[in-house]
Amino acid sequence: MKIEITLSFIFILLFTSSIYGYNKENSCEKLMQNGNNLEAVDAAKKIKNQYDKHFCLGKAYYRSNMHELAIKAFNDSEEGAELPADQMFSILYKGIAERDSGSINISSKTFTRGLETAKLGNSKYLQMERRFLYQLGQNALSTNEYDESIDFFSKSIVISVNDDERAEGFDRLSLAYYGKKKLDKAIEYALKASNMYLRTGDLNNYADKQLNMATYHLENNAPDRSLRLLEKLEQFAKDNGSQYYEAKALLEQSLVFKSKGDEQNAIARFNIGFDIAKSIGAKDLLPPKK
């Protein structure tokens, strides 16, 4: 998924406010919306406003996987920002591009600077504070610094303003606790995230967290709970027309039955799940070719 969707989500939420000066109707943005990222690079260079020019150029480079050029463009846009919020948005994108280029430590320093900048606005930029805290948590999680990631995600949840943001925080907290092998806590926050995703209608993330919880229960020596979750998810997927998650739930059920020593049910669930996955071309669910 993840980063491009995350960036798009941030973009939608933040630029609905008048405290941001960026013109999201420029020609560069419109080209990116249609997936024409390289054409968007050329369009960005023709924009007269210096902030808009460099910011959209950074986004277009980022989406074209040209991370070093994206970092430079976001840096230039930060220098050309006239409003504090535009400056922070450039810092946020720059930090994400730095992380994707492999420079985690530099990225964390960038996010920390952004967080400190956001705090200067007292409560005016809480939305930005949350995003910097969340991204710092992501960095810590990616380097297995679980205690730090728990601290960052917990703080981000406190200042979340809607269920989408809370779901995001709970989701990552569950992963951090799982990394620490605190399975009860991982289950607790996975359940909270799952409920939030269901409430907001984010059914894919809901299904993914159900799968996570099933794994946590299995590792927590509760295979029957794991199986019940997976059977409910299988039915949920059927009811909502998702053969992908139906197949995935069945394949995971196969693993649970195998752990219980029930080879007959393990094979039966695997075969059904495999056939569905094959019929829809879900290559990520199929066993690798030997």
Protein backbone atom coordinates (compact mmCIF):
# COMPACT_ATOMS: atom_id res chain seq x y z
CA MET A 1 0.00 0.00 0.00
CA LYS A 2 1.28 2.01 1.98
CA ILE A 3 3.15 5.15 1.58
CA GLU A 4 1.47 6.54 -1.52
CA ILE A 5 -1.96 5.89 -0.04
CA THR A 6 -0.83 7.44 3.23
CA LEU A 7 0.38 10.53 1.42
CA SER A 8 -2.88 10.82 -0.49
CA PHE A 9 -4.84 10.51 2.75
CA ILE A 10 -2.75 13.23 4.41
CA PHE A 11 -3.19 15.44 1.38
CA ILE A 12 -6.99 15.17 1.36
CA LEU A 13 -7.33 15.91 5.06
CA LEU A 14 -4.90 18.77 5.33
CA PHE A 15 -5.72 20.83 2.30
CA THR A 16 -9.40 21.13 3.16
CA SER A 17 -8.29 23.88 5.55
CA SER A 18 -7.70 27.52 4.60
CA ILE A 19 -4.49 27.64 6.67
CA TYR A 20 -2.71 25.95 3.75
CA GLY A 21 -1.74 27.97 0.71
CA TYR A 22 -0.97 25.20 -1.78
CA ASN A 23 -3.10 25.23 -4.93
CA LYS A 24 -4.20 21.61 -5.35
CA GLU A 25 -5.94 22.46 -8.64
CA ASN A 26 -2.71 23.03 -10.56
CA SER A 27 -1.94 21.16 -13.78
CA CYS A 28 0.74 19.01 -12.11
CA GLU A 29 -1.75 17.66 -9.57
CA LYS A 30 -4.31 16.88 -12.24
CA LEU A 31 -1.78 14.87 -14.22
CA MET A 32 -0.78 12.89 -11.13
CA GLN A 33 -4.42 12.11 -10.42
CA ASN A 34 -4.48 10.32 -13.77
CA GLY A 35 -1.21 8.51 -13.08
CA ASN A 36 0.85 10.63 -15.49
CA ASN A 37 3.69 11.24 -13.07
CA LEU A 38 6.47 12.00 -15.53
CA GLU A 39 4.27 14.45 -17.42
CA ALA A 40 3.47 16.01 -14.04
CA VAL A 41 7.20 16.67 -13.55
CA ASP A 42 7.27 18.77 -16.71
CA ALA A 43 4.04 20.54 -15.73
CA ALA A 44 5.37 21.36 -12.26
CA LYS A 45 8.41 23.11 -13.71
CA LYS A 46 6.10 25.57 -15.47
CA ILE A 47 4.19 26.62 -12.34
CA LYS A 48 4.97 30.23 -11.41
CA ASN A 49 4.37 30.05 -7.67
CA GLN A 50 7.67 28.75 -6.25
CA TYR A 51 6.15 26.77 -3.39
CA ASP A 52 3.55 25.10 -5.59
CA LYS A 53 6.19 24.41 -8.23
CA HIS A 54 8.66 22.64 -5.96
CA PHE A 55 6.08 20.91 -3.80
CA CYS A 56 4.24 19.32 -6.72
CA LEU A 57 7.57 18.55 -8.37
CA GLY A 58 8.57 16.67 -5.22
CA LYS A 59 5.35 14.67 -5.25
CA ALA A 60 5.74 13.81 -8.93
CA TYR A 61 9.35 12.71 -8.43
CA TYR A 62 8.33 10.68 -5.38
CA ARG A 63 5.59 8.86 -7.26
CA SER A 64 8.12 8.14 -9.99
CA ASN A 65 10.42 6.54 -7.37
CA MET A 66 13.01 9.29 -7.84
CA HIS A 67 13.49 9.77 -4.13
CA GLU A 68 16.65 11.87 -4.12
CA LEU A 69 15.14 14.35 -6.56
CA ALA A 70 11.95 14.37 -4.50
CA ILE A 71 13.90 15.19 -1.33
CA LYS A 72 15.60 18.13 -3.02
CA ALA A 73 12.29 19.43 -4.38
CA PHE A 74 10.59 19.18 -0.97
CA ASN A 75 13.55 20.99 0.56
CA ASP A 76 13.17 23.76 -2.02
CA SER A 77 9.43 23.96 -1.38
CA GLU A 78 10.07 24.32 2.36
CA GLU A 79 12.35 27.27 1.67
CA GLY A 80 9.68 28.85 -0.55
CA ALA A 81 6.79 28.35 1.89
CA GLU A 82 5.02 31.51 3.01
CA LEU A 83 2.73 29.82 5.55
CA PRO A 84 3.92 27.65 8.49
CA ALA A 85 1.53 24.85 7.54
CA ASP A 86 2.92 24.66 4.00
CA GLN A 87 6.41 24.53 5.47
CA MET A 88 5.44 21.63 7.75
CA PHE A 89 3.80 19.76 4.91
CA SER A 90 7.06 19.98 2.96
CA ILE A 91 8.95 18.68 5.99
CA LEU A 92 6.49 15.79 6.33
CA TYR A 93 6.84 14.70 2.71
CA LYS A 94 10.59 15.16 2.80
CA GLY A 95 10.85 12.85 5.82
CA ILE A 96 8.79 10.17 4.10
CA ALA A 97 10.91 10.40 0.95
CA GLU A 98 14.08 10.16 3.06
CA ARG A 99 12.77 7.04 4.74
CA ASP A 100 11.92 5.45 1.40
CA SER A 101 15.40 6.24 0.14
CA GLY A 102 16.81 4.21 3.06
CA SER A 103 17.88 7.12 5.27
CA ILE A 104 15.88 6.27 8.39
CA ASN A 105 17.97 8.29 10.86
CA ILE A 106 17.89 11.39 8.67
CA SER A 107 14.16 10.90 8.19
CA SER A 108 13.59 10.75 11.95
CA LYS A 109 15.54 13.98 12.44
CA THR A 110 13.36 15.61 9.79
CA PHE A 111 10.14 14.41 11.45
CA THR A 112 11.42 15.58 14.86
CA ARG A 113 12.10 19.04 13.44
CA GLY A 114 8.62 19.06 11.96
CA LEU A 115 7.10 18.03 15.29
CA GLU A 116 8.94 20.83 17.10
CA THR A 117 7.77 23.31 14.47
CA ALA A 118 4.17 22.15 14.83
CA LYS A 119 4.31 22.53 18.63
CA LEU A 120 5.20 26.21 18.22
CA GLY A 121 1.65 26.79 17.02
CA ASN A 122 0.23 25.48 20.31
CA SER A 123 -3.04 23.75 19.42
CA LYS A 124 -3.33 25.29 15.95
CA TYR A 125 -1.32 22.54 14.28
CA LEU A 126 -2.37 19.49 16.32
CA GLN A 127 -3.25 17.74 13.07
CA MET A 128 0.35 18.09 11.94
CA GLU A 129 1.70 17.09 15.37
CA ARG A 130 -0.24 13.84 15.11
CA ARG A 131 1.18 13.07 11.69
CA PHE A 132 4.76 13.72 12.75
CA LEU A 133 4.27 11.53 15.83
CA TYR A 134 2.76 8.80 13.66
CA GLN A 135 5.64 8.91 11.17
CA LEU A 136 8.20 8.84 13.98
CA GLY A 137 6.38 5.77 15.26
CA GLN A 138 6.58 4.21 11.80
CA ASN A 139 10.33 4.81 11.69
CA ALA A 140 10.84 3.31 15.14
CA LEU A 141 8.68 0.31 14.22
CA SER A 142 10.68 -0.29 11.04
CA THR A 143 13.92 -0.46 13.07
CA ASN A 144 12.39 -2.70 15.78
CA GLU A 145 12.53 0.05 18.41
CA TYR A 146 9.22 -1.09 19.81
CA ASP A 147 9.15 0.90 23.05
CA GLU A 148 9.78 4.14 21.18
CA SER A 149 7.18 3.30 18.56
CA ILE A 150 4.61 2.56 21.29
CA ASP A 151 5.33 5.95 22.85
CA PHE A 152 4.94 7.81 19.55
CA PHE A 153 1.77 5.98 18.48
CA SER A 154 0.19 6.39 21.93
CA LYS A 155 0.80 10.14 21.84
CA SER A 156 -0.59 10.35 18.31
CA ILE A 157 -3.83 8.65 19.41
CA VAL A 158 -4.34 11.14 22.24
CA ILE A 159 -4.56 14.03 19.76
CA SER A 160 -6.42 12.15 17.02
CA VAL A 161 -9.62 13.90 15.97
CA ASN A 162 -11.53 11.14 14.18
CA ASP A 163 -11.94 7.38 13.96
CA ASP A 164 -9.74 7.12 10.85
CA GLU A 165 -6.80 8.53 12.78
CA ARG A 166 -7.52 6.47 15.88
CA ALA A 167 -7.77 3.30 13.79
CA GLU A 168 -4.40 4.07 12.24
CA GLY A 169 -2.80 4.54 15.68
CA PHE A 170 -4.38 1.43 17.23
CA ASP A 171 -3.32 -0.59 14.18
CA ARG A 172 0.31 0.37 14.60
CA LEU A 173 0.23 -0.08 18.37
CA SER A 174 -0.89 -3.68 17.84
CA LEU A 175 2.07 -4.28 15.54
CA ALA A 176 4.50 -2.73 18.01
CA TYR A 177 3.22 -4.88 20.88
CA TYR A 178 3.37 -7.91 18.62
CA GLY A 179 7.00 -7.08 17.92
CA LYS A 180 7.60 -7.15 21.69
CA LYS A 181 5.71 -10.47 21.86
CA LYS A 182 3.18 -8.86 24.20
CA LEU A 183 0.42 -10.87 22.60
CA ASP A 184 -2.42 -9.86 24.93
CA LYS A 185 -1.71 -6.18 24.23
CA ALA A 186 -1.33 -6.88 20.52
CA ILE A 187 -4.76 -8.52 20.51
CA GLU A 188 -6.29 -5.67 22.53
CA TYR A 189 -5.17 -2.97 20.11
CA ALA A 190 -5.82 -5.06 17.02
CA LEU A 191 -9.41 -5.42 18.22
CA LYS A 192 -9.71 -1.67 18.77
CA ALA A 193 -8.28 -0.96 15.32
CA SER A 194 -10.53 -3.56 13.74
CA ASN A 195 -13.65 -2.04 15.32
CA MET A 196 -12.62 1.44 14.20
CA TYR A 197 -12.00 0.28 10.63
CA LEU A 198 -15.40 -1.38 10.56
CA ARG A 199 -17.04 1.79 11.89
CA THR A 200 -15.41 3.93 9.19
CA GLY A 201 -16.20 1.45 6.42
CA ASP A 202 -12.55 0.58 5.73
CA LEU A 203 -13.31 -3.09 5.11
CA ASN A 204 -9.91 -4.09 3.69
CA ASN A 205 -8.06 -2.88 6.77
CA TYR A 206 -10.76 -4.44 8.95
CA ALA A 207 -10.15 -7.80 7.29
CA ASP A 208 -6.38 -7.44 7.61
CA LYS A 209 -6.64 -6.76 11.34
CA GLN A 210 -8.91 -9.80 11.76
CA LEU A 211 -6.19 -11.86 10.11
CA ASN A 212 -3.59 -10.31 12.41
CA MET A 213 -5.69 -11.14 15.46
CA ALA A 214 -6.08 -14.71 14.29
CA THR A 215 -2.27 -14.99 14.08
CA TYR A 216 -1.85 -13.47 17.54
CA HIS A 217 -4.37 -15.89 19.08
CA LEU A 218 -2.66 -18.84 17.42
CA GLU A 219 0.73 -17.78 18.76
CA ASN A 220 -0.90 -17.18 22.15
CA ASN A 221 -1.87 -20.88 22.31
CA ALA A 222 -5.53 -20.20 21.53
CA PRO A 223 -6.07 -21.96 18.18
CA ASP A 224 -9.84 -22.29 18.68
CA ARG A 225 -10.21 -18.51 19.05
CA SER A 226 -8.06 -18.07 15.97
CA LEU A 227 -10.25 -20.47 14.03
CA ARG A 228 -13.48 -18.76 15.09
CA LEU A 229 -12.16 -15.42 13.92
CA LEU A 230 -11.14 -16.84 10.57
CA GLU A 231 -14.47 -18.58 10.03
CA LYS A 232 -16.30 -15.33 10.80
CA LEU A 233 -13.99 -13.50 8.40
CA GLU A 234 -14.67 -16.08 5.71
CA GLN A 235 -18.42 -15.45 6.05
CA PHE A 236 -17.88 -11.68 6.22
CA ALA A 237 -15.89 -11.83 2.99
CA LYS A 238 -18.64 -13.85 1.29
CA ASP A 239 -21.31 -11.41 2.47
CA ASN A 240 -19.32 -8.47 1.14
CA GLY A 241 -18.26 -10.03 -2.15
CA SER A 242 -14.55 -10.35 -1.47
CA GLN A 243 -13.22 -13.61 -2.84
CA TYR A 244 -9.70 -12.45 -2.03
CA TYR A 245 -10.32 -12.33 1.72
CA GLU A 246 -12.50 -15.43 1.54
CA ALA A 247 -9.53 -17.31 0.06
CA LYS A 248 -7.12 -15.80 2.53
CA ALA A 249 -9.31 -16.73 5.50
CA LEU A 250 -9.55 -20.31 4.24
CA LEU A 251 -5.81 -20.62 3.73
CA GLU A 252 -5.19 -19.30 7.23
CA GLN A 253 -7.74 -21.77 8.60
CA SER A 254 -5.69 -24.51 6.96
CA LEU A 255 -2.65 -23.44 8.98
CA VAL A 256 -4.65 -23.46 12.22
CA PHE A 257 -6.02 -26.95 11.56
CA LYS A 258 -2.50 -28.11 10.75
CA SER A 259 -1.26 -26.74 14.09
CA LYS A 260 -4.01 -28.75 15.79
CA GLY A 261 -2.93 -31.92 13.99
CA ASP A 262 -6.14 -32.07 11.92
CA GLU A 263 -4.65 -32.83 8.52
CA GLN A 264 -7.99 -33.66 6.88
CA ASN A 265 -9.55 -30.26 7.56
CA ALA A 266 -6.23 -28.55 6.88
CA ILE A 267 -6.08 -30.04 3.38
CA ALA A 268 -9.76 -29.39 2.71
CA ARG A 269 -9.55 -25.69 3.66
CA PHE A 270 -6.32 -25.28 1.72
CA ASN A 271 -7.79 -26.76 -1.46
CA ILE A 272 -10.87 -24.54 -1.36
CA GLY A 273 -8.82 -21.43 -0.62
CA PHE A 274 -6.27 -22.31 -3.29
CA ASP A 275 -8.95 -22.81 -5.95
CA ILE A 276 -10.54 -19.43 -5.16
CA ALA A 277 -7.18 -17.64 -5.16
CA LYS A 278 -6.24 -19.25 -8.46
CA SER A 279 -9.58 -18.36 -10.06
CA ILE A 280 -9.20 -14.66 -9.22
CA GLY A 281 -5.48 -14.51 -10.04
CA ALA A 282 -4.41 -13.67 -6.47
CA LYS A 283 -0.78 -14.65 -6.98
CA ASP A 284 0.28 -13.36 -3.55
CA LEU A 285 -1.90 -16.05 -1.95
CA LEU A 286 -0.57 -18.91 -4.05
CA PRO A 287 2.44 -20.99 -3.00
CA PRO A 288 5.65 -20.05 -4.83
CA LYS A 289 6.56 -22.16 -7.83
CA LYS A 290 9.31 -24.68 -7.17
